[in-house]
Amino acid sequence: MYAIKQYEKSQSLLNKVQEIGILRRIDHQNVVKLFEVFEDQTHLYLVMEYLGGGTILQHKYTEKEAYIAIKGLLEALNYCHSKNITIKHIKPENLLLSYFSN
């Protein structure tokens, strides 16, 4: 299964082009993977790894689960920073889970 992000070309795509470049450079287990980019006359499509666990806002956590989630986030940020990539939009809505056991 894949997730597809769709952007209208009528919008400013500069940020999306930058996002694509960054995602192509990242290879880390805790960062969503970009597989392919397609476009047609009106839209740009990003084919990405599907993460079916929802966002971190959608669940209640035990202390152990919270520890695992935060540890994964910090590992991903450390990896990105080691590649001189700064992540600007770290917020609960953007933190996706591959699964959730409860």
PDB file of N, CA and C in Angstrom:
ATOM      1  N   MET A   1       0.843  -1.184   0.000  1.00  0.00           N
ATOM      2  CA  MET A   1       0.000   0.000   0.000  1.00  0.00           C
ATOM      3  C   MET A   1       0.883   1.241   0.000  1.00  0.00           C
ATOM      4  N   TYR A   2       0.391   2.269  -0.657  1.00  0.00           N
ATOM      5  CA  TYR A   2       1.101   3.540  -0.758  1.00  0.00           C
ATOM      6  C   TYR A   2       0.152   4.674  -0.397  1.00  0.00           C
ATOM      7  N   ALA A   3       0.733   5.790  -0.028  1.00  0.00           N
ATOM      8  CA  ALA A   3      -0.031   7.022   0.168  1.00  0.00           C
ATOM      9  C   ALA A   3       0.385   7.970  -0.946  1.00  0.00           C
ATOM     10  N   ILE A   4      -0.564   8.744  -1.451  1.00  0.00           N
ATOM     11  CA  ILE A   4      -0.251   9.699  -2.511  1.00  0.00           C
ATOM     12  C   ILE A   4      -0.650  11.095  -2.045  1.00  0.00           C
ATOM     13  N   LYS A   5       0.333  11.988  -2.026  1.00  0.00           N
ATOM     14  CA  LYS A   5       0.074  13.399  -1.743  1.00  0.00           C
ATOM     15  C   LYS A   5      -0.104  14.092  -3.081  1.00  0.00           C
ATOM     16  N   GLN A   6      -1.145  14.875  -3.192  1.00  0.00           N
ATOM     17  CA  GLN A   6      -1.471  15.550  -4.444  1.00  0.00           C
ATOM     18  C   GLN A   6      -1.426  17.055  -4.233  1.00  0.00           C
ATOM     19  N   TYR A   7      -0.736  17.749  -5.118  1.00  0.00           N
ATOM     20  CA  TYR A   7      -0.647  19.207  -5.055  1.00  0.00           C
ATOM     21  C   TYR A   7      -1.066  19.800  -6.389  1.00  0.00           C
ATOM     22  N   GLU A   8      -1.865  20.852  -6.338  1.00  0.00           N
ATOM     23  CA  GLU A   8      -2.229  21.563  -7.562  1.00  0.00           C
ATOM     24  C   GLU A   8      -1.045  22.390  -8.032  1.00  0.00           C
ATOM     25  N   LYS A   9      -0.804  22.362  -9.321  1.00  0.00           N
ATOM     26  CA  LYS A   9       0.303  23.136  -9.875  1.00  0.00           C
ATOM     27  C   LYS A   9       0.027  24.632  -9.833  1.00  0.00           C
ATOM     28  N   SER A  10      -1.228  25.005  -9.682  1.00  0.00           N
ATOM     29  CA  SER A  10      -1.547  26.429  -9.613  1.00  0.00           C
ATOM     30  C   SER A  10      -1.037  27.058  -8.314  1.00  0.00           C
ATOM     31  N   GLN A  11      -0.779  26.236  -7.304  1.00  0.00           N
ATOM     32  CA  GLN A  11      -0.205  26.718  -6.051  1.00  0.00           C
ATOM     33  C   GLN A  11       1.297  26.884  -6.231  1.00  0.00           C
ATOM     34  N   SER A  12       1.900  27.661  -5.366  1.00  0.00           N
ATOM     35  CA  SER A  12       3.352  27.780  -5.388  1.00  0.00           C
ATOM     36  C   SER A  12       3.959  26.435  -5.024  1.00  0.00           C
ATOM     37  N   LEU A  13       4.772  25.903  -5.907  1.00  0.00           N
ATOM     38  CA  LEU A  13       5.340  24.578  -5.683  1.00  0.00           C
ATOM     39  C   LEU A  13       6.781  24.625  -5.206  1.00  0.00           C
ATOM     40  N   LEU A  14       7.323  25.809  -4.959  1.00  0.00           N
ATOM     41  CA  LEU A  14       8.721  25.913  -4.536  1.00  0.00           C
ATOM     42  C   LEU A  14       8.975  25.086  -3.282  1.00  0.00           C
ATOM     43  N   ASN A  15       8.112  25.212  -2.270  1.00  0.00           N
ATOM     44  CA  ASN A  15       8.284  24.436  -1.037  1.00  0.00           C
ATOM     45  C   ASN A  15       8.174  22.942  -1.302  1.00  0.00           C
ATOM     46  N   LYS A  16       7.288  22.542  -2.214  1.00  0.00           N
ATOM     47  CA  LYS A  16       7.117  21.117  -2.518  1.00  0.00           C
ATOM     48  C   LYS A  16       8.344  20.573  -3.238  1.00  0.00           C
ATOM     49  N   VAL A  17       8.930  21.359  -4.136  1.00  0.00           N
ATOM     50  CA  VAL A  17      10.144  20.935  -4.832  1.00  0.00           C
ATOM     51  C   VAL A  17      11.269  20.745  -3.810  1.00  0.00           C
ATOM     52  N   GLN A  18      11.356  21.646  -2.839  1.00  0.00           N
ATOM     53  CA  GLN A  18      12.350  21.501  -1.777  1.00  0.00           C
ATOM     54  C   GLN A  18      12.074  20.251  -0.947  1.00  0.00           C
ATOM     55  N   GLU A  19      10.795  20.019  -0.625  1.00  0.00           N
ATOM     56  CA  GLU A  19      10.407  18.829   0.148  1.00  0.00           C
ATOM     57  C   GLU A  19      10.805  17.564  -0.597  1.00  0.00           C
ATOM     58  N   ILE A  20      10.568  17.513  -1.887  1.00  0.00           N
ATOM     59  CA  ILE A  20      10.918  16.345  -2.695  1.00  0.00           C
ATOM     60  C   ILE A  20      12.421  16.115  -2.658  1.00  0.00           C
ATOM     61  N   GLY A  21      13.191  17.172  -2.823  1.00  0.00           N
ATOM     62  CA  GLY A  21      14.650  17.044  -2.777  1.00  0.00           C
ATOM     63  C   GLY A  21      15.135  16.504  -1.447  1.00  0.00           C
ATOM     64  N   ILE A  22      14.541  16.979  -0.378  1.00  0.00           N
ATOM     65  CA  ILE A  22      14.920  16.505   0.960  1.00  0.00           C
ATOM     66  C   ILE A  22      14.518  15.046   1.145  1.00  0.00           C
ATOM     67  N   LEU A  23      13.289  14.698   0.781  1.00  0.00           N
ATOM     68  CA  LEU A  23      12.827  13.320   0.961  1.00  0.00           C
ATOM     69  C   LEU A  23      13.649  12.337   0.147  1.00  0.00           C
ATOM     70  N   ARG A  24      14.156  12.771  -0.991  1.00  0.00           N
ATOM     71  CA  ARG A  24      15.005  11.882  -1.800  1.00  0.00           C
ATOM     72  C   ARG A  24      16.359  11.632  -1.140  1.00  0.00           C
ATOM     73  N   ARG A  25      16.800  12.553  -0.290  1.00  0.00           N
ATOM     74  CA  ARG A  25      18.093  12.412   0.397  1.00  0.00           C
ATOM     75  C   ARG A  25      17.995  11.605   1.679  1.00  0.00           C
ATOM     76  N   ILE A  26      16.800  11.449   2.217  1.00  0.00           N
ATOM     77  CA  ILE A  26      16.619  10.815   3.521  1.00  0.00           C
ATOM     78  C   ILE A  26      16.351   9.324   3.363  1.00  0.00           C
ATOM     79  N   ASP A  27      17.067   8.536   4.133  1.00  0.00           N
ATOM     80  CA  ASP A  27      16.833   7.099   4.196  1.00  0.00           C
ATOM     81  C   ASP A  27      16.948   6.675   5.658  1.00  0.00           C
ATOM     82  N   HIS A  28      15.843   6.785   6.369  1.00  0.00           N
ATOM     83  CA  HIS A  28      15.825   6.461   7.799  1.00  0.00           C
ATOM     84  C   HIS A  28      14.511   5.777   8.133  1.00  0.00           C
ATOM     85  N   GLN A  29      14.575   4.788   8.995  1.00  0.00           N
ATOM     86  CA  GLN A  29      13.385   4.007   9.343  1.00  0.00           C
ATOM     87  C   GLN A  29      12.273   4.833   9.983  1.00  0.00           C
ATOM     88  N   ASN A  30      12.600   5.978  10.567  1.00  0.00           N
ATOM     89  CA  ASN A  30      11.595   6.787  11.251  1.00  0.00           C
ATOM     90  C   ASN A  30      11.166   8.005  10.451  1.00  0.00           C
ATOM     91  N   VAL A  31      11.481   8.014   9.165  1.00  0.00           N
ATOM     92  CA  VAL A  31      11.049   9.103   8.279  1.00  0.00           C
ATOM     93  C   VAL A  31      10.318   8.468   7.103  1.00  0.00           C
ATOM     94  N   VAL A  32       9.141   8.995   6.783  1.00  0.00           N
ATOM     95  CA  VAL A  32       8.345   8.447   5.686  1.00  0.00           C
ATOM     96  C   VAL A  32       9.171   8.444   4.398  1.00  0.00           C
ATOM     97  N   LYS A  33       9.031   7.371   3.620  1.00  0.00           N
ATOM     98  CA  LYS A  33       9.818   7.210   2.396  1.00  0.00           C
ATOM     99  C   LYS A  33       9.058   7.742   1.180  1.00  0.00           C
ATOM    100  N   LEU A  34       9.774   8.425   0.322  1.00  0.00           N
ATOM    101  CA  LEU A  34       9.246   8.877  -0.965  1.00  0.00           C
ATOM    102  C   LEU A  34       9.702   7.867  -2.009  1.00  0.00           C
ATOM    103  N   PHE A  35       8.746   7.284  -2.739  1.00  0.00           N
ATOM    104  CA  PHE A  35       9.083   6.281  -3.738  1.00  0.00           C
ATOM    105  C   PHE A  35       9.158   6.860  -5.147  1.00  0.00           C
ATOM    106  N   GLU A  36       8.233   7.757  -5.469  1.00  0.00           N
ATOM    107  CA  GLU A  36       8.166   8.254  -6.839  1.00  0.00           C
ATOM    108  C   GLU A  36       7.437   9.590  -6.877  1.00  0.00           C
ATOM    109  N   VAL A  37       7.694  10.351  -7.922  1.00  0.00           N
ATOM    110  CA  VAL A  37       7.007  11.620  -8.155  1.00  0.00           C
ATOM    111  C   VAL A  37       6.468  11.591  -9.579  1.00  0.00           C
ATOM    112  N   PHE A  38       5.190  11.921  -9.728  1.00  0.00           N
ATOM    113  CA  PHE A  38       4.551  11.987 -11.039  1.00  0.00           C
ATOM    114  C   PHE A  38       3.882  13.349 -11.176  1.00  0.00           C
ATOM    115  N   GLU A  39       3.620  13.736 -12.408  1.00  0.00           N
ATOM    116  CA  GLU A  39       2.859  14.953 -12.629  1.00  0.00           C
ATOM    117  C   GLU A  39       2.019  14.803 -13.878  1.00  0.00           C
ATOM    118  N   ASP A  40       0.935  15.570 -13.911  1.00  0.00           N
ATOM    119  CA  ASP A  40       0.139  15.704 -15.119  1.00  0.00           C
ATOM    120  C   ASP A  40      -0.014  17.194 -15.392  1.00  0.00           C
ATOM    121  N   GLN A  41      -0.943  17.576 -16.201  1.00  0.00           N
ATOM    122  CA  GLN A  41      -1.095  18.987 -16.572  1.00  0.00           C
ATOM    123  C   GLN A  41      -1.386  19.891 -15.379  1.00  0.00           C
ATOM    124  N   THR A  42      -2.127  19.376 -14.400  1.00  0.00           N
ATOM    125  CA  THR A  42      -2.607  20.233 -13.314  1.00  0.00           C
ATOM    126  C   THR A  42      -2.093  19.879 -11.923  1.00  0.00           C
ATOM    127  N   HIS A  43      -1.532  18.690 -11.753  1.00  0.00           N
ATOM    128  CA  HIS A  43      -1.161  18.244 -10.412  1.00  0.00           C
ATOM    129  C   HIS A  43       0.224  17.608 -10.361  1.00  0.00           C
ATOM    130  N   LEU A  44       0.789  17.642  -9.168  1.00  0.00           N
ATOM    131  CA  LEU A  44       2.027  16.954  -8.835  1.00  0.00           C
ATOM    132  C   LEU A  44       1.651  15.894  -7.812  1.00  0.00           C
ATOM    133  N   TYR A  45       2.160  14.666  -7.978  1.00  0.00           N
ATOM    134  CA  TYR A  45       1.810  13.554  -7.101  1.00  0.00           C
ATOM    135  C   TYR A  45       3.072  12.966  -6.477  1.00  0.00           C
ATOM    136  N   LEU A  46       3.059  12.799  -5.165  1.00  0.00           N
ATOM    137  CA  LEU A  46       4.157  12.166  -4.446  1.00  0.00           C
ATOM    138  C   LEU A  46       3.671  10.811  -3.954  1.00  0.00           C
ATOM    139  N   VAL A  47       4.301   9.738  -4.418  1.00  0.00           N
ATOM    140  CA  VAL A  47       3.958   8.384  -3.987  1.00  0.00           C
ATOM    141  C   VAL A  47       4.862   8.062  -2.804  1.00  0.00           C
ATOM    142  N   MET A  48       4.231   7.869  -1.642  1.00  0.00           N
ATOM    143  CA  MET A  48       4.975   7.737  -0.399  1.00  0.00           C
ATOM    144  C   MET A  48       4.584   6.463   0.339  1.00  0.00           C
ATOM    145  N   GLU A  49       5.404   6.128   1.313  1.00  0.00           N
ATOM    146  CA  GLU A  49       5.119   5.009   2.196  1.00  0.00           C
ATOM    147  C   GLU A  49       3.797   5.266   2.915  1.00  0.00           C
ATOM    148  N   TYR A  50       2.956   4.240   3.002  1.00  0.00           N
ATOM    149  CA  TYR A  50       1.690   4.355   3.715  1.00  0.00           C
ATOM    150  C   TYR A  50       1.918   4.027   5.184  1.00  0.00           C
ATOM    151  N   LEU A  51       1.498   4.930   6.046  1.00  0.00           N
ATOM    152  CA  LEU A  51       1.593   4.720   7.492  1.00  0.00           C
ATOM    153  C   LEU A  51       0.175   4.695   8.041  1.00  0.00           C
ATOM    154  N   GLY A  52      -0.302   3.523   8.391  1.00  0.00           N
ATOM    155  CA  GLY A  52      -1.701   3.337   8.749  1.00  0.00           C
ATOM    156  C   GLY A  52      -2.047   3.503  10.215  1.00  0.00           C
ATOM    157  N   GLY A  53      -1.124   4.004  11.027  1.00  0.00           N
ATOM    158  CA  GLY A  53      -1.384   4.108  12.459  1.00  0.00           C
ATOM    159  C   GLY A  53      -1.979   5.419  12.917  1.00  0.00           C
ATOM    160  N   GLY A  54      -2.246   6.334  11.980  1.00  0.00           N
ATOM    161  CA  GLY A  54      -2.780   7.642  12.349  1.00  0.00           C
ATOM    162  C   GLY A  54      -1.691   8.572  12.866  1.00  0.00           C
ATOM    163  N   THR A  55      -2.115   9.699  13.427  1.00  0.00           N
ATOM    164  CA  THR A  55      -1.164  10.653  14.000  1.00  0.00           C
ATOM    165  C   THR A  55      -1.028  10.388  15.500  1.00  0.00           C
ATOM    166  N   ILE A  56      -0.020  10.993  16.099  1.00  0.00           N
ATOM    167  CA  ILE A  56       0.166  10.776  17.539  1.00  0.00           C
ATOM    168  C   ILE A  56      -0.964  11.400  18.356  1.00  0.00           C
ATOM    169  N   LEU A  57      -1.747  12.275  17.750  1.00  0.00           N
ATOM    170  CA  LEU A  57      -2.886  12.890  18.458  1.00  0.00           C
ATOM    171  C   LEU A  57      -4.059  11.925  18.631  1.00  0.00           C
ATOM    172  N   GLN A  58      -4.087  10.879  17.852  1.00  0.00           N
ATOM    173  CA  GLN A  58      -5.250  10.005  17.811  1.00  0.00           C
ATOM    174  C   GLN A  58      -5.210   8.857  18.814  1.00  0.00           C
ATOM    175  N   HIS A  59      -4.207   8.840  19.688  1.00  0.00           N
ATOM    176  CA  HIS A  59      -4.054   7.712  20.595  1.00  0.00           C
ATOM    177  C   HIS A  59      -3.687   8.176  22.000  1.00  0.00           C
ATOM    178  N   LYS A  60      -3.997   7.324  22.959  1.00  0.00           N
ATOM    179  CA  LYS A  60      -3.504   7.514  24.327  1.00  0.00           C
ATOM    180  C   LYS A  60      -2.341   6.560  24.502  1.00  0.00           C
ATOM    181  N   TYR A  61      -1.348   6.987  25.259  1.00  0.00           N
ATOM    182  CA  TYR A  61      -0.112   6.227  25.359  1.00  0.00           C
ATOM    183  C   TYR A  61       0.175   5.795  26.783  1.00  0.00           C
ATOM    184  N   THR A  62       0.767   4.621  26.878  1.00  0.00           N
ATOM    185  CA  THR A  62       1.369   4.237  28.140  1.00  0.00           C
ATOM    186  C   THR A  62       2.713   4.961  28.193  1.00  0.00           C
ATOM    187  N   GLU A  63       3.337   4.940  29.328  1.00  0.00           N
ATOM    188  CA  GLU A  63       4.651   5.577  29.451  1.00  0.00           C
ATOM    189  C   GLU A  63       5.653   4.929  28.486  1.00  0.00           C
ATOM    190  N   LYS A  64       5.607   3.612  28.373  1.00  0.00           N
ATOM    191  CA  LYS A  64       6.531   2.904  27.478  1.00  0.00           C
ATOM    192  C   LYS A  64       6.282   3.288  26.017  1.00  0.00           C
ATOM    193  N   GLU A  65       5.028   3.361  25.607  1.00  0.00           N
ATOM    194  CA  GLU A  65       4.707   3.733  24.222  1.00  0.00           C
ATOM    195  C   GLU A  65       5.141   5.162  23.918  1.00  0.00           C
ATOM    196  N   ALA A  66       4.931   6.064  24.877  1.00  0.00           N
ATOM    197  CA  ALA A  66       5.363   7.454  24.691  1.00  0.00           C
ATOM    198  C   ALA A  66       6.874   7.518  24.553  1.00  0.00           C
ATOM    199  N   TYR A  67       7.582   6.752  25.359  1.00  0.00           N
ATOM    200  CA  TYR A  67       9.047   6.696  25.294  1.00  0.00           C
ATOM    201  C   TYR A  67       9.498   6.239  23.910  1.00  0.00           C
ATOM    202  N   ILE A  68       8.881   5.174  23.403  1.00  0.00           N
ATOM    203  CA  ILE A  68       9.258   4.632  22.091  1.00  0.00           C
ATOM    204  C   ILE A  68       8.983   5.659  20.988  1.00  0.00           C
ATOM    205  N   ALA A  69       7.831   6.327  21.048  1.00  0.00           N
ATOM    206  CA  ALA A  69       7.480   7.322  20.028  1.00  0.00           C
ATOM    207  C   ALA A  69       8.444   8.499  20.043  1.00  0.00           C
ATOM    208  N   ILE A  70       8.742   9.023  21.218  1.00  0.00           N
ATOM    209  CA  ILE A  70       9.648  10.178  21.330  1.00  0.00           C
ATOM    210  C   ILE A  70      11.070   9.776  20.954  1.00  0.00           C
ATOM    211  N   LYS A  71      11.486   8.585  21.327  1.00  0.00           N
ATOM    212  CA  LYS A  71      12.819   8.105  20.955  1.00  0.00           C
ATOM    213  C   LYS A  71      12.947   8.027  19.436  1.00  0.00           C
ATOM    214  N   GLY A  72      11.927   7.508  18.764  1.00  0.00           N
ATOM    215  CA  GLY A  72      11.943   7.431  17.303  1.00  0.00           C
ATOM    216  C   GLY A  72      12.006   8.800  16.657  1.00  0.00           C
ATOM    217  N   LEU A  73      11.247   9.750  17.209  1.00  0.00           N
ATOM    218  CA  LEU A  73      11.269  11.121  16.698  1.00  0.00           C
ATOM    219  C   LEU A  73      12.656  11.731  16.850  1.00  0.00           C
ATOM    220  N   LEU A  74      13.253  11.564  18.014  1.00  0.00           N
ATOM    221  CA  LEU A  74      14.584  12.136  18.247  1.00  0.00           C
ATOM    222  C   LEU A  74      15.648  11.482  17.364  1.00  0.00           C
ATOM    223  N   GLU A  75      15.527  10.187  17.129  1.00  0.00           N
ATOM    224  CA  GLU A  75      16.467   9.512  16.226  1.00  0.00           C
ATOM    225  C   GLU A  75      16.335  10.063  14.804  1.00  0.00           C
ATOM    226  N   ALA A  76      15.098  10.279  14.357  1.00  0.00           N
ATOM    227  CA  ALA A  76      14.880  10.831  13.017  1.00  0.00           C
ATOM    228  C   ALA A  76      15.423  12.249  12.917  1.00  0.00           C
ATOM    229  N   LEU A  77      15.184  13.066  13.929  1.00  0.00           N
ATOM    230  CA  LEU A  77      15.702  14.444  13.920  1.00  0.00           C
ATOM    231  C   LEU A  77      17.219  14.459  13.937  1.00  0.00           C
ATOM    232  N   ASN A  78      17.820  13.598  14.741  1.00  0.00           N
ATOM    233  CA  ASN A  78      19.279  13.510  14.791  1.00  0.00           C
ATOM    234  C   ASN A  78      19.840  13.127  13.417  1.00  0.00           C
ATOM    235  N   TYR A  79      19.209  12.163  12.763  1.00  0.00           N
ATOM    236  CA  TYR A  79      19.626  11.749  11.422  1.00  0.00           C
ATOM    237  C   TYR A  79      19.532  12.922  10.445  1.00  0.00           C
ATOM    238  N   CYS A  80      18.388  13.605  10.454  1.00  0.00           N
ATOM    239  CA  CYS A  80      18.196  14.746   9.542  1.00  0.00           C
ATOM    240  C   CYS A  80      19.234  15.827   9.802  1.00  0.00           C
ATOM    241  N   HIS A  81      19.478  16.147  11.047  1.00  0.00           N
ATOM    242  CA  HIS A  81      20.473  17.173  11.382  1.00  0.00           C
ATOM    243  C   HIS A  81      21.869  16.748  10.946  1.00  0.00           C
ATOM    244  N   SER A  82      22.169  15.439  11.008  1.00  0.00           N
ATOM    245  CA  SER A  82      23.482  14.963  10.551  1.00  0.00           C
ATOM    246  C   SER A  82      23.640  15.143   9.046  1.00  0.00           C
ATOM    247  N   LYS A  83      22.521  15.265   8.322  1.00  0.00           N
ATOM    248  CA  LYS A  83      22.526  15.500   6.879  1.00  0.00           C
ATOM    249  C   LYS A  83      22.321  16.986   6.555  1.00  0.00           C
ATOM    250  N   ASN A  84      22.418  17.841   7.596  1.00  0.00           N
ATOM    251  CA  ASN A  84      22.201  19.295   7.454  1.00  0.00           C
ATOM    252  C   ASN A  84      20.801  19.632   6.947  1.00  0.00           C
ATOM    253  N   ILE A  85      19.827  18.856   7.395  1.00  0.00           N
ATOM    254  CA  ILE A  85      18.425  19.091   7.048  1.00  0.00           C
ATOM    255  C   ILE A  85      17.714  19.567   8.304  1.00  0.00           C
ATOM    256  N   THR A  86      17.073  20.718   8.198  1.00  0.00           N
ATOM    257  CA  THR A  86      16.298  21.260   9.308  1.00  0.00           C
ATOM    258  C   THR A  86      14.818  21.011   9.045  1.00  0.00           C
ATOM    259  N   ILE A  87      14.137  20.451  10.018  1.00  0.00           N
ATOM    260  CA  ILE A  87      12.707  20.187   9.905  1.00  0.00           C
ATOM    261  C   ILE A  87      11.968  21.324  10.601  1.00  0.00           C
ATOM    262  N   LYS A  88      11.107  22.018   9.854  1.00  0.00           N
ATOM    263  CA  LYS A  88      10.447  23.209  10.387  1.00  0.00           C
ATOM    264  C   LYS A  88       9.068  22.946  10.977  1.00  0.00           C
ATOM    265  N   HIS A  89       8.401  21.912  10.544  1.00  0.00           N
ATOM    266  CA  HIS A  89       7.006  21.734  10.923  1.00  0.00           C
ATOM    267  C   HIS A  89       6.809  20.503  11.803  1.00  0.00           C
ATOM    268  N   ILE A  90       7.484  20.500  12.935  1.00  0.00           N
ATOM    269  CA  ILE A  90       7.305  19.399  13.871  1.00  0.00           C
ATOM    270  C   ILE A  90       6.107  19.737  14.747  1.00  0.00           C
ATOM    271  N   LYS A  91       5.013  19.054  14.469  1.00  0.00           N
ATOM    272  CA  LYS A  91       3.792  19.245  15.251  1.00  0.00           C
ATOM    273  C   LYS A  91       3.034  17.925  15.238  1.00  0.00           C
ATOM    274  N   PRO A  92       2.172  17.707  16.210  1.00  0.00           N
ATOM    275  CA  PRO A  92       1.498  16.407  16.328  1.00  0.00           C
ATOM    276  C   PRO A  92       0.791  15.960  15.045  1.00  0.00           C
ATOM    277  N   GLU A  93       0.217  16.887  14.302  1.00  0.00           N
ATOM    278  CA  GLU A  93      -0.500  16.543  13.074  1.00  0.00           C
ATOM    279  C   GLU A  93       0.421  15.948  12.011  1.00  0.00           C
ATOM    280  N   ASN A  94       1.716  16.233  12.103  1.00  0.00           N
ATOM    281  CA  ASN A  94       2.679  15.754  11.121  1.00  0.00           C
ATOM    282  C   ASN A  94       3.463  14.520  11.591  1.00  0.00           C
ATOM    283  N   LEU A  95       3.154  14.048  12.783  1.00  0.00           N
ATOM    284  CA  LEU A  95       3.861  12.879  13.317  1.00  0.00           C
ATOM    285  C   LEU A  95       2.957  11.658  13.149  1.00  0.00           C
ATOM    286  N   LEU A  96       3.293  10.837  12.146  1.00  0.00           N
ATOM    287  CA  LEU A  96       2.480   9.680  11.782  1.00  0.00           C
ATOM    288  C   LEU A  96       3.059   8.405  12.363  1.00  0.00           C
ATOM    289  N   LEU A  97       2.180   7.460  12.633  1.00  0.00           N
ATOM    290  CA  LEU A  97       2.587   6.164  13.162  1.00  0.00           C
ATOM    291  C   LEU A  97       2.404   5.098  12.092  1.00  0.00           C
ATOM    292  N   SER A  98       3.345   4.169  12.016  1.00  0.00           N
ATOM    293  CA  SER A  98       3.184   3.076  11.067  1.00  0.00           C
ATOM    294  C   SER A  98       2.131   2.074  11.566  1.00  0.00           C
ATOM    295  N   TYR A  99       1.986   1.986  12.875  1.00  0.00           N
ATOM    296  CA  TYR A  99       0.965   1.141  13.471  1.00  0.00           C
ATOM    297  C   TYR A  99       0.761   1.607  14.909  1.00  0.00           C
ATOM    298  N   PHE A 100      -0.324   1.146  15.498  1.00  0.00           N
ATOM    299  CA  PHE A 100      -0.554   1.395  16.919  1.00  0.00           C
ATOM    300  C   PHE A 100      -1.206   0.151  17.476  1.00  0.00           C
ATOM    301  N   SER A 101      -0.637  -0.385  18.546  1.00  0.00           N
ATOM    302  CA  SER A 101      -1.047  -1.702  19.044  1.00  0.00           C
ATOM    303  C   SER A 101      -2.356  -1.718  19.824  1.00  0.00           C
ATOM    304  N   ASN A 102      -2.805  -0.582  20.359  1.00  0.00           N
ATOM    305  CA  ASN A 102      -4.038  -0.600  21.161  1.00  0.00           C
ATOM    306  C   ASN A 102      -5.283  -0.583  20.294  1.00  0.00           C
TER     307      ASN A 102
END
